[in-house]
Amino acid sequence: MLLKFYSLSLTEDPIQRGKNSLIGLFLSLLMLTISFAGPLVATGSSVATGSSVANGSSVANGSSVANGSSVASDKSFAPHSLENILIVSIDALHPKALGPKSSPHIYRLMEKGTYTLKGQSTDPPLTLIAHSAMFSGLSPQENGKTDNDWLPGQDTIQGETIFQRPKHAGFLTGYFYSKKKLGFLINKDIDVHGLSRDFAIDRATDFFQIPGKHFCFLHISGLDQAGPTEGWLSPGYMEELYFIDDTLEPLITMIKDKKKYLIIITSDHAGHNKIHGSDHPEDSRLPLVMISDIYNFSVYQDKPYKVNQLKTLLDTLLMK
């Protein structure tokens, strides 16, 4: 919140000076009252108390990436000022893997933007379950997607997703993914979508060349194969991350050149050794990296984050 302070001008007139003294005393008492009342107001707010979005569980230290009120309350954040939004989900990305050598371009975004390595996936931490929570803003128990399987022709996701608000705000919406099962997430609010294991980044690049405002979710595979075969954080895993980072860089540069951008890089889950999807704490870990030329997200640095809070964060930025 931005506070505006007013000062009383000095005067040589003793009567006016006396009036100013009384006014100053009144303002001092008022500010003193506010200083004592402030903590009570803050802790009484359902937004600022650490209530986790969608699943009702508390978040450490009373704040999280998506339930803080800073973005919503700061009037300098003009609705719909964004024009180019890219959310990248790098499947199976462990937050410990990110670094200046393994992912130099993403690491540069971390240095210039905001990030947290305290992200948490769903239970169980599996690809389709986690992405369904990411899209819907709801836990698996709330959105009904508690299994990790889907085939074309079966029912798709129901209810509002991350695409609804940008669609209504005049964005062209795109969704490009690398696993067939993620076709479950396609709905009427997505204008352009496509399955491509090897060329999803190319599809997203073509999408951003279409005139207009862009909202795109990009799913990238690769680490989900390197982890189970070579081990999470193994040399082979880190080499695959370097390749993904290098391939992603031209798209990120193009979006930044377009201005009025928001870039988010996250994941659905991680793993340990050659195992994922278990109740081991490493399997549920994920990062969240955010950078924009319009918004300052520094208040969210190193804050706890849950995968189903992505929708609330995006909806707050695009609120009407």
C-alpha atoms as a PDB file:
ATOM      1  CA  MET A   1       0.000   0.000   0.000  1.00  0.00           C
ATOM      2  CA  LEU A   2       1.262   3.445  -0.828  1.00  0.00           C
ATOM      3  CA  LEU A   3       0.818   6.040   1.961  1.00  0.00           C
ATOM      4  CA  LYS A   4       0.663   9.777   1.287  1.00  0.00           C
ATOM      5  CA  PHE A   5       1.878  12.041   4.077  1.00  0.00           C
ATOM      6  CA  TYR A   6       0.828  15.664   4.530  1.00  0.00           C
ATOM      7  CA  SER A   7       2.841  18.295   6.451  1.00  0.00           C
ATOM      8  CA  LEU A   8       1.607  21.528   8.083  1.00  0.00           C
ATOM      9  CA  SER A   9       3.228  24.718   6.791  1.00  0.00           C
ATOM     10  CA  LEU A  10       4.966  27.021   9.248  1.00  0.00           C
ATOM     11  CA  THR A  11       3.688  30.588   9.740  1.00  0.00           C
ATOM     12  CA  GLU A  12       4.734  33.698  11.618  1.00  0.00           C
ATOM     13  CA  ASP A  13       1.086  34.341  12.709  1.00  0.00           C
ATOM     14  CA  PRO A  14       0.858  33.110  16.351  1.00  0.00           C
ATOM     15  CA  ILE A  15      -2.892  32.451  16.055  1.00  0.00           C
ATOM     16  CA  GLN A  16      -2.453  30.387  12.927  1.00  0.00           C
ATOM     17  CA  ARG A  17       0.552  28.702  14.508  1.00  0.00           C
ATOM     18  CA  GLY A  18      -1.658  27.779  17.474  1.00  0.00           C
ATOM     19  CA  LYS A  19      -4.267  26.295  15.124  1.00  0.00           C
ATOM     20  CA  ASN A  20      -1.529  24.340  13.384  1.00  0.00           C
ATOM     21  CA  SER A  21      -0.342  23.000  16.738  1.00  0.00           C
ATOM     22  CA  LEU A  22      -3.834  21.739  17.582  1.00  0.00           C
ATOM     23  CA  ILE A  23      -4.180  20.164  14.157  1.00  0.00           C
ATOM     24  CA  GLY A  24      -0.744  18.604  14.508  1.00  0.00           C
ATOM     25  CA  LEU A  25      -1.683  17.190  17.924  1.00  0.00           C
ATOM     26  CA  PHE A  26      -4.894  15.714  16.443  1.00  0.00           C
ATOM     27  CA  LEU A  27      -3.018  14.105  13.554  1.00  0.00           C
ATOM     28  CA  SER A  28      -0.385  12.717  15.931  1.00  0.00           C
ATOM     29  CA  LEU A  29      -3.084  11.106  18.074  1.00  0.00           C
ATOM     30  CA  LEU A  30      -4.768   9.778  14.947  1.00  0.00           C
ATOM     31  CA  MET A  31      -1.542   8.246  13.612  1.00  0.00           C
ATOM     32  CA  LEU A  32      -0.824   6.749  17.061  1.00  0.00           C
ATOM     33  CA  THR A  33      -4.273   5.139  17.069  1.00  0.00           C
ATOM     34  CA  ILE A  34      -3.720   3.760  13.575  1.00  0.00           C
ATOM     35  CA  SER A  35      -0.309   2.373  14.522  1.00  0.00           C
ATOM     36  CA  PHE A  36      -1.922   0.323  17.322  1.00  0.00           C
ATOM     37  CA  ALA A  37      -4.979  -0.647  15.305  1.00  0.00           C
ATOM     38  CA  GLY A  38      -3.004  -1.601  12.187  1.00  0.00           C
ATOM     39  CA  PRO A  39      -1.939  -5.087  13.292  1.00  0.00           C
ATOM     40  CA  LEU A  40      -5.527  -5.888  14.285  1.00  0.00           C
ATOM     41  CA  VAL A  41      -6.778  -4.857  10.852  1.00  0.00           C
ATOM     42  CA  ALA A  42      -4.121  -6.881   9.076  1.00  0.00           C
ATOM     43  CA  THR A  43      -4.684 -10.076  11.015  1.00  0.00           C
ATOM     44  CA  GLY A  44      -8.428  -9.783  10.655  1.00  0.00           C
ATOM     45  CA  SER A  45      -8.263  -9.837   6.856  1.00  0.00           C
ATOM     46  CA  SER A  46      -9.135 -13.133   5.195  1.00  0.00           C
ATOM     47  CA  VAL A  47      -6.710 -12.255   2.377  1.00  0.00           C
ATOM     48  CA  ALA A  48      -3.674 -11.502   4.516  1.00  0.00           C
ATOM     49  CA  THR A  49      -3.910 -14.121   7.237  1.00  0.00           C
ATOM     50  CA  GLY A  50      -2.200 -16.871   5.308  1.00  0.00           C
ATOM     51  CA  SER A  51      -5.308 -18.719   4.218  1.00  0.00           C
ATOM     52  CA  SER A  52      -4.225 -20.808   1.273  1.00  0.00           C
ATOM     53  CA  VAL A  53      -6.154 -20.297  -1.955  1.00  0.00           C
ATOM     54  CA  ALA A  54      -8.665 -23.034  -2.802  1.00  0.00           C
ATOM     55  CA  ASN A  55      -7.649 -25.650  -0.256  1.00  0.00           C
ATOM     56  CA  GLY A  56      -8.051 -23.747   2.978  1.00  0.00           C
ATOM     57  CA  SER A  57      -4.767 -24.825   4.558  1.00  0.00           C
ATOM     58  CA  SER A  58      -2.602 -22.231   6.239  1.00  0.00           C
ATOM     59  CA  VAL A  59       0.637 -20.975   4.729  1.00  0.00           C
ATOM     60  CA  ALA A  60       3.766 -20.310   6.745  1.00  0.00           C
ATOM     61  CA  ASN A  61       4.466 -16.738   7.885  1.00  0.00           C
ATOM     62  CA  GLY A  62       0.994 -15.536   6.943  1.00  0.00           C
ATOM     63  CA  SER A  63       1.566 -15.003   3.245  1.00  0.00           C
ATOM     64  CA  SER A  64       1.958 -16.839  -0.020  1.00  0.00           C
ATOM     65  CA  VAL A  65       2.508 -16.005  -3.648  1.00  0.00           C
ATOM     66  CA  ALA A  66      -1.159 -16.039  -4.572  1.00  0.00           C
ATOM     67  CA  ASN A  67      -3.012 -14.946  -1.462  1.00  0.00           C
ATOM     68  CA  GLY A  68      -1.124 -11.750  -0.670  1.00  0.00           C
ATOM     69  CA  SER A  69      -3.108  -8.584  -1.370  1.00  0.00           C
ATOM     70  CA  SER A  70      -0.243  -6.472  -2.735  1.00  0.00           C
ATOM     71  CA  VAL A  71      -1.033  -6.921  -6.416  1.00  0.00           C
ATOM     72  CA  ALA A  72      -4.763  -6.464  -5.959  1.00  0.00           C
ATOM     73  CA  SER A  73      -4.583  -3.440  -3.646  1.00  0.00           C
ATOM     74  CA  ASP A  74      -1.926  -1.367  -5.413  1.00  0.00           C
ATOM     75  CA  LYS A  75      -3.809   0.947  -7.764  1.00  0.00           C
ATOM     76  CA  SER A  76      -0.718   1.376  -9.921  1.00  0.00           C
ATOM     77  CA  PHE A  77      -1.479  -2.113 -11.262  1.00  0.00           C
ATOM     78  CA  ALA A  78      -3.848  -1.172 -14.081  1.00  0.00           C
ATOM     79  CA  PRO A  79      -6.178  -4.012 -15.169  1.00  0.00           C
ATOM     80  CA  HIS A  80      -5.488  -5.428 -18.623  1.00  0.00           C
ATOM     81  CA  SER A  81      -2.244  -3.473 -19.015  1.00  0.00           C
ATOM     82  CA  LEU A  82      -0.495  -6.713 -19.934  1.00  0.00           C
ATOM     83  CA  GLU A  83      -0.453  -7.771 -23.578  1.00  0.00           C
ATOM     84  CA  ASN A  84       1.904 -10.751 -23.729  1.00  0.00           C
ATOM     85  CA  ILE A  85       1.615 -13.473 -21.095  1.00  0.00           C
ATOM     86  CA  LEU A  86       3.608 -16.703 -21.225  1.00  0.00           C
ATOM     87  CA  ILE A  87       3.366 -19.449 -18.603  1.00  0.00           C
ATOM     88  CA  VAL A  88       5.893 -22.237 -19.041  1.00  0.00           C
ATOM     89  CA  SER A  89       5.586 -25.520 -17.191  1.00  0.00           C
ATOM     90  CA  ILE A  90       8.816 -27.516 -17.468  1.00  0.00           C
ATOM     91  CA  ASP A  91       7.662 -31.017 -16.587  1.00  0.00           C
ATOM     92  CA  ALA A  92       9.587 -32.632 -13.691  1.00  0.00           C
ATOM     93  CA  LEU A  93      11.800 -29.593 -13.034  1.00  0.00           C
ATOM     94  CA  HIS A  94      13.408 -29.777  -9.610  1.00  0.00           C
ATOM     95  CA  PRO A  95      14.078 -26.309  -8.144  1.00  0.00           C
ATOM     96  CA  LYS A  96      17.583 -27.365  -7.118  1.00  0.00           C
ATOM     97  CA  ALA A  97      18.463 -27.865 -10.784  1.00  0.00           C
ATOM     98  CA  LEU A  98      18.178 -24.168 -11.641  1.00  0.00           C
ATOM     99  CA  GLY A  99      21.503 -22.341 -11.745  1.00  0.00           C
ATOM    100  CA  PRO A 100      23.869 -20.168 -13.813  1.00  0.00           C
ATOM    101  CA  LYS A 101      25.459 -23.180 -15.526  1.00  0.00           C
ATOM    102  CA  SER A 102      22.544 -25.586 -15.927  1.00  0.00           C
ATOM    103  CA  SER A 103      19.951 -22.956 -16.965  1.00  0.00           C
ATOM    104  CA  PRO A 104      21.680 -19.600 -17.610  1.00  0.00           C
ATOM    105  CA  HIS A 105      18.714 -17.912 -19.313  1.00  0.00           C
ATOM    106  CA  ILE A 106      16.160 -18.902 -16.687  1.00  0.00           C
ATOM    107  CA  TYR A 107      18.684 -17.999 -14.002  1.00  0.00           C
ATOM    108  CA  ARG A 108      18.969 -14.514 -15.510  1.00  0.00           C
ATOM    109  CA  LEU A 109      15.187 -14.164 -15.211  1.00  0.00           C
ATOM    110  CA  MET A 110      15.481 -15.170 -11.569  1.00  0.00           C
ATOM    111  CA  GLU A 111      18.116 -12.503 -10.969  1.00  0.00           C
ATOM    112  CA  LYS A 112      16.094  -9.735 -12.615  1.00  0.00           C
ATOM    113  CA  GLY A 113      12.641 -10.899 -11.536  1.00  0.00           C
ATOM    114  CA  THR A 114      11.172 -12.720  -8.562  1.00  0.00           C
ATOM    115  CA  TYR A 115      11.291 -16.380  -7.674  1.00  0.00           C
ATOM    116  CA  THR A 116      10.553 -18.912  -4.996  1.00  0.00           C
ATOM    117  CA  LEU A 117      11.937 -22.412  -4.702  1.00  0.00           C
ATOM    118  CA  LYS A 118       9.337 -23.283  -2.061  1.00  0.00           C
ATOM    119  CA  GLY A 119       6.630 -24.472  -4.428  1.00  0.00           C
ATOM    120  CA  GLN A 120       4.521 -27.524  -3.618  1.00  0.00           C
ATOM    121  CA  SER A 121       2.738 -29.890  -6.003  1.00  0.00           C
ATOM    122  CA  THR A 122      -0.444 -31.889  -5.469  1.00  0.00           C
ATOM    123  CA  ASP A 123      -0.835 -35.125  -3.551  1.00  0.00           C
ATOM    124  CA  PRO A 124       0.118 -37.280  -5.348  1.00  0.00           C
ATOM    125  CA  PRO A 125       2.587 -35.140  -7.337  1.00  0.00           C
ATOM    126  CA  LEU A 126       1.841 -36.370 -10.864  1.00  0.00           C
ATOM    127  CA  THR A 127       1.687 -34.536 -14.198  1.00  0.00           C
ATOM    128  CA  LEU A 128      -2.005 -34.468 -15.099  1.00  0.00           C
ATOM    129  CA  ILE A 129      -3.206 -34.137 -11.513  1.00  0.00           C
ATOM    130  CA  ALA A 130      -0.865 -31.205 -10.897  1.00  0.00           C
ATOM    131  CA  HIS A 131      -1.680 -29.428 -14.165  1.00  0.00           C
ATOM    132  CA  SER A 132      -5.402 -29.838 -13.528  1.00  0.00           C
ATOM    133  CA  ALA A 133      -4.932 -28.088 -10.187  1.00  0.00           C
ATOM    134  CA  MET A 134      -2.813 -25.445 -11.903  1.00  0.00           C
ATOM    135  CA  PHE A 135      -5.495 -24.762 -14.524  1.00  0.00           C
ATOM    136  CA  SER A 136      -8.545 -24.912 -12.248  1.00  0.00           C
ATOM    137  CA  GLY A 137      -7.139 -23.284  -9.132  1.00  0.00           C
ATOM    138  CA  LEU A 138      -8.610 -26.186  -7.151  1.00  0.00           C
ATOM    139  CA  SER A 139      -7.135 -29.144  -5.322  1.00  0.00           C
ATOM    140  CA  PRO A 140      -7.591 -32.609  -6.887  1.00  0.00           C
ATOM    141  CA  GLN A 141     -10.349 -33.370  -4.408  1.00  0.00           C
ATOM    142  CA  GLU A 142     -12.162 -30.165  -5.393  1.00  0.00           C
ATOM    143  CA  ASN A 143     -11.762 -30.383  -9.175  1.00  0.00           C
ATOM    144  CA  GLY A 144     -12.331 -34.130  -9.316  1.00  0.00           C
ATOM    145  CA  LYS A 145      -9.145 -35.039 -11.229  1.00  0.00           C
ATOM    146  CA  THR A 146      -7.481 -37.499  -8.887  1.00  0.00           C
ATOM    147  CA  ASP A 147      -5.999 -39.870 -11.478  1.00  0.00           C
ATOM    148  CA  ASN A 148      -3.137 -39.305 -13.903  1.00  0.00           C
ATOM    149  CA  ASP A 149      -4.701 -40.767 -17.063  1.00  0.00           C
ATOM    150  CA  TRP A 150      -6.739 -39.470 -19.991  1.00  0.00           C
ATOM    151  CA  LEU A 151      -7.374 -40.573 -23.580  1.00  0.00           C
ATOM    152  CA  PRO A 152      -8.879 -38.623 -26.511  1.00  0.00           C
ATOM    153  CA  GLY A 153     -12.648 -38.954 -26.545  1.00  0.00           C
ATOM    154  CA  GLN A 154     -12.962 -39.010 -22.772  1.00  0.00           C
ATOM    155  CA  ASP A 155     -14.446 -36.136 -20.771  1.00  0.00           C
ATOM    156  CA  THR A 156     -12.280 -33.026 -20.453  1.00  0.00           C
ATOM    157  CA  ILE A 157     -11.863 -30.539 -17.633  1.00  0.00           C
ATOM    158  CA  GLN A 158     -15.019 -28.813 -16.427  1.00  0.00           C
ATOM    159  CA  GLY A 159     -15.510 -25.383 -14.914  1.00  0.00           C
ATOM    160  CA  GLU A 160     -13.466 -22.209 -15.137  1.00  0.00           C
ATOM    161  CA  THR A 161      -9.747 -22.420 -15.912  1.00  0.00           C
ATOM    162  CA  ILE A 162      -6.860 -19.979 -16.271  1.00  0.00           C
ATOM    163  CA  PHE A 163      -7.975 -19.238 -19.843  1.00  0.00           C
ATOM    164  CA  GLN A 164     -11.422 -17.830 -19.087  1.00  0.00           C
ATOM    165  CA  ARG A 165     -10.482 -14.404 -17.750  1.00  0.00           C
ATOM    166  CA  PRO A 166      -7.861 -13.595 -20.424  1.00  0.00           C
ATOM    167  CA  LYS A 167     -10.273 -14.792 -23.126  1.00  0.00           C
ATOM    168  CA  HIS A 168     -12.957 -12.398 -21.867  1.00  0.00           C
ATOM    169  CA  ALA A 169     -10.345  -9.633 -21.621  1.00  0.00           C
ATOM    170  CA  GLY A 170      -9.629  -9.843 -25.356  1.00  0.00           C
ATOM    171  CA  PHE A 171      -6.523 -12.029 -25.345  1.00  0.00           C
ATOM    172  CA  LEU A 172      -5.853 -14.629 -28.006  1.00  0.00           C
ATOM    173  CA  THR A 173      -5.371 -17.796 -25.968  1.00  0.00           C
ATOM    174  CA  GLY A 174      -2.957 -20.595 -26.813  1.00  0.00           C
ATOM    175  CA  TYR A 175      -2.076 -23.922 -25.223  1.00  0.00           C
ATOM    176  CA  PHE A 176       0.790 -26.114 -26.448  1.00  0.00           C
ATOM    177  CA  TYR A 177       1.706 -29.328 -24.694  1.00  0.00           C
ATOM    178  CA  SER A 178       4.030 -32.319 -24.967  1.00  0.00           C
ATOM    179  CA  LYS A 179       1.975 -35.169 -23.495  1.00  0.00           C
ATOM    180  CA  LYS A 180      -1.219 -36.611 -24.954  1.00  0.00           C
ATOM    181  CA  LYS A 181      -2.864 -36.876 -21.524  1.00  0.00           C
ATOM    182  CA  LEU A 182      -2.719 -33.078 -21.158  1.00  0.00           C
ATOM    183  CA  GLY A 183      -5.371 -32.853 -23.860  1.00  0.00           C
ATOM    184  CA  PHE A 184      -7.724 -33.284 -20.898  1.00  0.00           C
ATOM    185  CA  LEU A 185      -7.217 -29.561 -20.188  1.00  0.00           C
ATOM    186  CA  ILE A 186      -8.534 -28.216 -23.508  1.00  0.00           C
ATOM    187  CA  ASN A 187     -11.766 -26.242 -23.304  1.00  0.00           C
ATOM    188  CA  LYS A 188     -13.774 -23.614 -25.205  1.00  0.00           C
ATOM    189  CA  ASP A 189     -11.706 -20.688 -23.894  1.00  0.00           C
ATOM    190  CA  ILE A 190      -8.599 -21.846 -25.769  1.00  0.00           C
ATOM    191  CA  ASP A 191      -8.329 -20.420 -29.288  1.00  0.00           C
ATOM    192  CA  VAL A 192      -5.254 -22.303 -30.499  1.00  0.00           C
ATOM    193  CA  HIS A 193      -3.871 -25.539 -29.124  1.00  0.00           C
ATOM    194  CA  GLY A 194      -1.603 -28.340 -30.214  1.00  0.00           C
ATOM    195  CA  LEU A 195       0.178 -31.488 -29.071  1.00  0.00           C
ATOM    196  CA  SER A 196       3.852 -31.665 -30.012  1.00  0.00           C
ATOM    197  CA  ARG A 197       6.481 -33.439 -27.950  1.00  0.00           C
ATOM    198  CA  ASP A 198       9.429 -31.980 -29.847  1.00  0.00           C
ATOM    199  CA  PHE A 199       8.123 -28.689 -31.252  1.00  0.00           C
ATOM    200  CA  ALA A 200       5.849 -27.223 -28.583  1.00  0.00           C
ATOM    201  CA  ILE A 201       8.201 -24.233 -28.186  1.00  0.00           C
ATOM    202  CA  ASP A 202       8.083 -23.614 -31.949  1.00  0.00           C
ATOM    203  CA  ARG A 203       4.289 -23.693 -31.859  1.00  0.00           C
ATOM    204  CA  ALA A 204       4.264 -21.133 -29.054  1.00  0.00           C
ATOM    205  CA  THR A 205       6.704 -18.929 -30.988  1.00  0.00           C
ATOM    206  CA  ASP A 206       4.387 -18.946 -34.005  1.00  0.00           C
ATOM    207  CA  PHE A 207       1.458 -18.117 -31.726  1.00  0.00           C
ATOM    208  CA  PHE A 208       3.122 -14.949 -30.412  1.00  0.00           C
ATOM    209  CA  GLN A 209       3.653 -13.718 -33.971  1.00  0.00           C
ATOM    210  CA  ILE A 210      -0.111 -13.464 -34.512  1.00  0.00           C
ATOM    211  CA  PRO A 211      -1.273  -9.825 -34.118  1.00  0.00           C
ATOM    212  CA  GLY A 212      -3.052  -8.946 -30.873  1.00  0.00           C
ATOM    213  CA  LYS A 213      -2.729  -9.670 -27.165  1.00  0.00           C
ATOM    214  CA  HIS A 214      -1.436 -13.112 -26.231  1.00  0.00           C
ATOM    215  CA  PHE A 215      -2.010 -15.484 -23.338  1.00  0.00           C
ATOM    216  CA  CYS A 216      -0.122 -18.760 -23.727  1.00  0.00           C
ATOM    217  CA  PHE A 217       0.482 -21.828 -21.594  1.00  0.00           C
ATOM    218  CA  LEU A 218       3.430 -23.916 -22.765  1.00  0.00           C
ATOM    219  CA  HIS A 219       4.224 -27.384 -21.434  1.00  0.00           C
ATOM    220  CA  ILE A 220       7.747 -28.695 -22.081  1.00  0.00           C
ATOM    221  CA  SER A 221       8.744 -32.324 -21.724  1.00  0.00           C
ATOM    222  CA  GLY A 222      12.211 -33.883 -21.514  1.00  0.00           C
ATOM    223  CA  LEU A 223      13.145 -33.826 -17.854  1.00  0.00           C
ATOM    224  CA  ASP A 224      10.260 -36.206 -17.195  1.00  0.00           C
ATOM    225  CA  GLN A 225      12.245 -38.757 -19.223  1.00  0.00           C
ATOM    226  CA  ALA A 226      15.733 -37.859 -17.966  1.00  0.00           C
ATOM    227  CA  GLY A 227      14.673 -38.073 -14.316  1.00  0.00           C
ATOM    228  CA  PRO A 228      13.305 -41.637 -14.329  1.00  0.00           C
ATOM    229  CA  THR A 229      16.050 -42.979 -16.610  1.00  0.00           C
ATOM    230  CA  GLU A 230      19.155 -41.158 -15.315  1.00  0.00           C
ATOM    231  CA  GLY A 231      18.037 -39.728 -11.998  1.00  0.00           C
ATOM    232  CA  TRP A 232      16.895 -36.310 -10.844  1.00  0.00           C
ATOM    233  CA  LEU A 233      19.814 -33.826 -10.686  1.00  0.00           C
ATOM    234  CA  SER A 234      22.094 -36.332 -12.441  1.00  0.00           C
ATOM    235  CA  PRO A 235      24.511 -35.075 -15.158  1.00  0.00           C
ATOM    236  CA  GLY A 236      22.141 -36.333 -17.862  1.00  0.00           C
ATOM    237  CA  TYR A 237      19.205 -34.556 -16.209  1.00  0.00           C
ATOM    238  CA  MET A 238      21.153 -31.302 -15.972  1.00  0.00           C
ATOM    239  CA  GLU A 239      22.243 -31.599 -19.598  1.00  0.00           C
ATOM    240  CA  GLU A 240      18.607 -31.926 -20.674  1.00  0.00           C
ATOM    241  CA  LEU A 241      17.711 -28.830 -18.636  1.00  0.00           C
ATOM    242  CA  TYR A 242      20.500 -26.891 -20.357  1.00  0.00           C
ATOM    243  CA  PHE A 243      19.059 -27.876 -23.741  1.00  0.00           C
ATOM    244  CA  ILE A 244      15.548 -26.807 -22.707  1.00  0.00           C
ATOM    245  CA  ASP A 245      16.857 -23.497 -21.363  1.00  0.00           C
ATOM    246  CA  ASP A 246      18.767 -22.807 -24.584  1.00  0.00           C
ATOM    247  CA  THR A 247      15.792 -23.702 -26.798  1.00  0.00           C
ATOM    248  CA  LEU A 248      13.442 -21.547 -24.751  1.00  0.00           C
ATOM    249  CA  GLU A 249      15.628 -18.423 -24.846  1.00  0.00           C
ATOM    250  CA  PRO A 250      14.591 -17.042 -28.293  1.00  0.00           C
ATOM    251  CA  LEU A 251      10.905 -17.206 -27.330  1.00  0.00           C
ATOM    252  CA  ILE A 252      11.556 -15.389 -24.056  1.00  0.00           C
ATOM    253  CA  THR A 253      13.592 -12.722 -25.835  1.00  0.00           C
ATOM    254  CA  MET A 254      10.859 -12.180 -28.424  1.00  0.00           C
ATOM    255  CA  ILE A 255       8.198 -11.733 -25.759  1.00  0.00           C
ATOM    256  CA  LYS A 256      10.345  -9.297 -23.788  1.00  0.00           C
ATOM    257  CA  ASP A 257      10.943  -7.290 -26.973  1.00  0.00           C
ATOM    258  CA  LYS A 258       7.186  -7.009 -27.449  1.00  0.00           C
ATOM    259  CA  LYS A 259       6.899  -5.221 -24.060  1.00  0.00           C
ATOM    260  CA  LYS A 260       3.945  -5.281 -21.632  1.00  0.00           C
ATOM    261  CA  TYR A 261       4.844  -8.848 -20.788  1.00  0.00           C
ATOM    262  CA  LEU A 262       4.560 -11.339 -17.981  1.00  0.00           C
ATOM    263  CA  ILE A 263       6.657 -14.506 -18.057  1.00  0.00           C
ATOM    264  CA  ILE A 264       6.146 -17.268 -15.513  1.00  0.00           C
ATOM    265  CA  ILE A 265       8.257 -20.412 -15.388  1.00  0.00           C
ATOM    266  CA  THR A 266       7.204 -23.229 -13.094  1.00  0.00           C
ATOM    267  CA  SER A 267       6.729 -26.997 -12.984  1.00  0.00           C
ATOM    268  CA  ASP A 268       4.281 -29.698 -11.954  1.00  0.00           C
ATOM    269  CA  HIS A 269       6.500 -31.852  -9.722  1.00  0.00           C
ATOM    270  CA  ALA A 270      10.073 -33.046  -9.169  1.00  0.00           C
ATOM    271  CA  GLY A 271      11.519 -36.373  -8.037  1.00  0.00           C
ATOM    272  CA  HIS A 272      14.355 -38.081  -6.207  1.00  0.00           C
ATOM    273  CA  ASN A 273      16.852 -40.648  -7.435  1.00  0.00           C
ATOM    274  CA  LYS A 274      14.906 -42.221 -10.331  1.00  0.00           C
ATOM    275  CA  ILE A 275      11.548 -42.036  -8.574  1.00  0.00           C
ATOM    276  CA  HIS A 276       8.686 -39.548  -8.732  1.00  0.00           C
ATOM    277  CA  GLY A 277       5.027 -39.436  -7.760  1.00  0.00           C
ATOM    278  CA  SER A 278       5.671 -40.769  -4.262  1.00  0.00           C
ATOM    279  CA  ASP A 279       5.148 -39.149  -0.875  1.00  0.00           C
ATOM    280  CA  HIS A 280       8.867 -38.344  -0.631  1.00  0.00           C
ATOM    281  CA  PRO A 281       9.153 -34.578   0.013  1.00  0.00           C
ATOM    282  CA  GLU A 282      11.503 -34.054  -2.942  1.00  0.00           C
ATOM    283  CA  ASP A 283       8.863 -35.344  -5.369  1.00  0.00           C
ATOM    284  CA  SER A 284       6.500 -32.485  -4.529  1.00  0.00           C
ATOM    285  CA  ARG A 285       8.946 -29.636  -4.914  1.00  0.00           C
ATOM    286  CA  LEU A 286       8.749 -27.088  -7.742  1.00  0.00           C
ATOM    287  CA  PRO A 287       9.935 -23.545  -8.553  1.00  0.00           C
ATOM    288  CA  LEU A 288       8.059 -20.402  -9.534  1.00  0.00           C
ATOM    289  CA  VAL A 289       9.857 -17.663 -11.502  1.00  0.00           C
ATOM    290  CA  MET A 290       8.056 -14.421 -12.426  1.00  0.00           C
ATOM    291  CA  ILE A 291       9.253 -11.422 -14.404  1.00  0.00           C
ATOM    292  CA  SER A 292       7.390  -8.503 -15.986  1.00  0.00           C
ATOM    293  CA  ASP A 293       8.152  -5.040 -17.333  1.00  0.00           C
ATOM    294  CA  ILE A 294       4.921  -3.779 -15.729  1.00  0.00           C
ATOM    295  CA  TYR A 295       4.570  -5.537 -12.377  1.00  0.00           C
ATOM    296  CA  ASN A 296       6.977  -5.819  -9.471  1.00  0.00           C
ATOM    297  CA  PHE A 297       6.570  -9.149  -7.704  1.00  0.00           C
ATOM    298  CA  SER A 298       9.416  -8.687  -5.197  1.00  0.00           C
ATOM    299  CA  VAL A 299       7.000  -8.946  -2.265  1.00  0.00           C
ATOM    300  CA  TYR A 300       6.604 -12.630  -3.183  1.00  0.00           C
ATOM    301  CA  GLN A 301      10.318 -13.460  -3.152  1.00  0.00           C
ATOM    302  CA  ASP A 302      10.951 -16.818  -1.413  1.00  0.00           C
ATOM    303  CA  LYS A 303       7.326 -17.137  -0.285  1.00  0.00           C
ATOM    304  CA  PRO A 304       5.577 -20.534  -0.046  1.00  0.00           C
ATOM    305  CA  TYR A 305       3.558 -21.428  -3.129  1.00  0.00           C
ATOM    306  CA  LYS A 306       1.122 -24.190  -4.048  1.00  0.00           C
ATOM    307  CA  VAL A 307       0.545 -25.337  -7.597  1.00  0.00           C
ATOM    308  CA  ASN A 308      -3.188 -24.561  -7.499  1.00  0.00           C
ATOM    309  CA  GLN A 309      -2.470 -20.896  -6.640  1.00  0.00           C
ATOM    310  CA  LEU A 310      -1.390 -20.032 -10.183  1.00  0.00           C
ATOM    311  CA  LYS A 311      -4.953 -19.309 -11.317  1.00  0.00           C
ATOM    312  CA  THR A 312      -5.607 -16.880  -8.474  1.00  0.00           C
ATOM    313  CA  LEU A 313      -2.385 -15.017  -9.220  1.00  0.00           C
ATOM    314  CA  LEU A 314      -3.285 -14.653 -12.912  1.00  0.00           C
ATOM    315  CA  ASP A 315      -6.899 -13.721 -12.182  1.00  0.00           C
ATOM    316  CA  THR A 316      -5.724 -11.000  -9.809  1.00  0.00           C
ATOM    317  CA  LEU A 317      -3.570  -9.438 -12.509  1.00  0.00           C
ATOM    318  CA  LEU A 318      -6.404  -9.589 -15.034  1.00  0.00           C
ATOM    319  CA  MET A 319      -9.216  -8.592 -12.697  1.00  0.00           C
ATOM    320  CA  LYS A 320     -11.965  -6.457 -14.179  1.00  0.00           C
END
